[in-house]
Amino acid sequence: MSKVLVVAEHLDGKLNAATAKCVSAARALSPEAVDVLVLADDAAAVAAEAAKLSGVSRVLAVSNPANAHAIAQVLAPQVAALAAGYSHVFGPSTTFGKDLMPCVAALLGVPQVSDLMAVEGERTFKRPIYAGNAIVTVEAPAGQAVVATVRTASWPEAARDGGATVEATAVDAALPTHTTFVGLAAGKTDRPDLQSAKRVVSGGRGVGSKENFAIIYQLADKLGAAVGASRAAVDAGYVPNELQVGQTGKIIAPDLYMAIGISGAIQHLTGIKDAGTIVAINKDADAPIFEIADIGLVGDLFAILPELERAL
C-alpha cells in the first residue's frame, strides 16, 4: 500500500487551495495514508486548516524560524528527511512547488514526475506535453519514492470536513546557510489570488495600453475576480508578469474565465483549457479564442465592457 506526504503551500498564515487539490490527487492512489507537511515559522494556524481537508490522516507541523520564508534550499532538506517511509511525495505545480520539488527529488536521488494530471496506477501517471496538445503516460521506477508536482488545474479541491490529528514535528536536517532571504518584491492587491480564484478576468494586446488596462481591473472588481493577462499584454508592459496566464505563465482552472482582447494563441489556451466557462470578447470574429469559448461576443471591448458593468 502507498503512503503519501503532501507538502502544503501557504502564505500569510493561510493554506493555499493548491494543497487541497494535491490531497485529491493523493487520494486517487487509494493510499494507506495521506499526511500533510506544514513548514512555517509558526505552523499551528496553517496546520489546523490542513487538518480539515477530507482524507488527510495526520498533519506534521514543523515550526522553525528558518521556515519563515519559502526558500526551496531551506525547505527541501527538511522534506527529504521526513520523506523516509513514504512511497510518494506530492507538491503543487505552482511557483512554490516548481521551485521546491525538484530540490526534494535531487536530494532523494529520484526523477521527478511533473504536472501529474491523472493517476493510472501506483506508479503510473498521465501528464501533458507539447503545451498540452498531447498527453503522455509515464511510469516511475520501482523501489524508490515518487516525487511529483500536481497539475492543480486537473484536480478538484478536497472537501473541508475532515478532522486529522496535528503532530508537532522536529526535523533533524542540516539547513544550508549559502541561500538566505533578502526581500520580497510583490504587488499588493485585495483581489483574489490568480491561481486559486473562482473567477478570472484577463486582458490581452487588444486592450491597447497600460492605462487602458484599468477597464479590466474595474470589471474584475465588479465580479470579485482575479486579474490575468496574455503574454502579449505582459511583453507590451501593460501588466507585471505575475499576471501572465498560459504555458509560460500560470495554469489555472477557474469556474469563470473572461478573455478580453485576447486572440487565443495556443500557449495561452494551454493555461485555461480546464476552466469551467470561458467567455471571449474580441473584435476579430476569426480569433482562435472563439473556437474554445463557451460564450463569444464579437465587438469593441471599450463599448461592451461599460455596458456589462452597468448591467452588473
Foldseek 3Di string as FASTA:
>chain_A
DFEEEEEWDDDPLETDLLSLQQLQQVCLQVDPAYEYEYEALFQVSHLQQVQLFPRHAEYEYEHRNQRHDLQQLQVQQQCLQVCPPGQEYEYALDPSCVRRQVSNCVVQVFDAAEAFQADPHNFWTWHADPLNPDIDIDGGDPPGHYGYHHHSLRGDGGDRHHHHYYDHDYGDGDGDDPDDDDDDDDDDDPADDQARWQEEEEEECLLPALVSCVLSVVLCVLVSHHYAYDVRCCVRPSDPQQRHFFQPHAQHAHQEYEYEHDLCDSRRCSRYVSHNAYEYEEQDPPRPSVVRHPHYDHDRCVVPSVVVSVVD
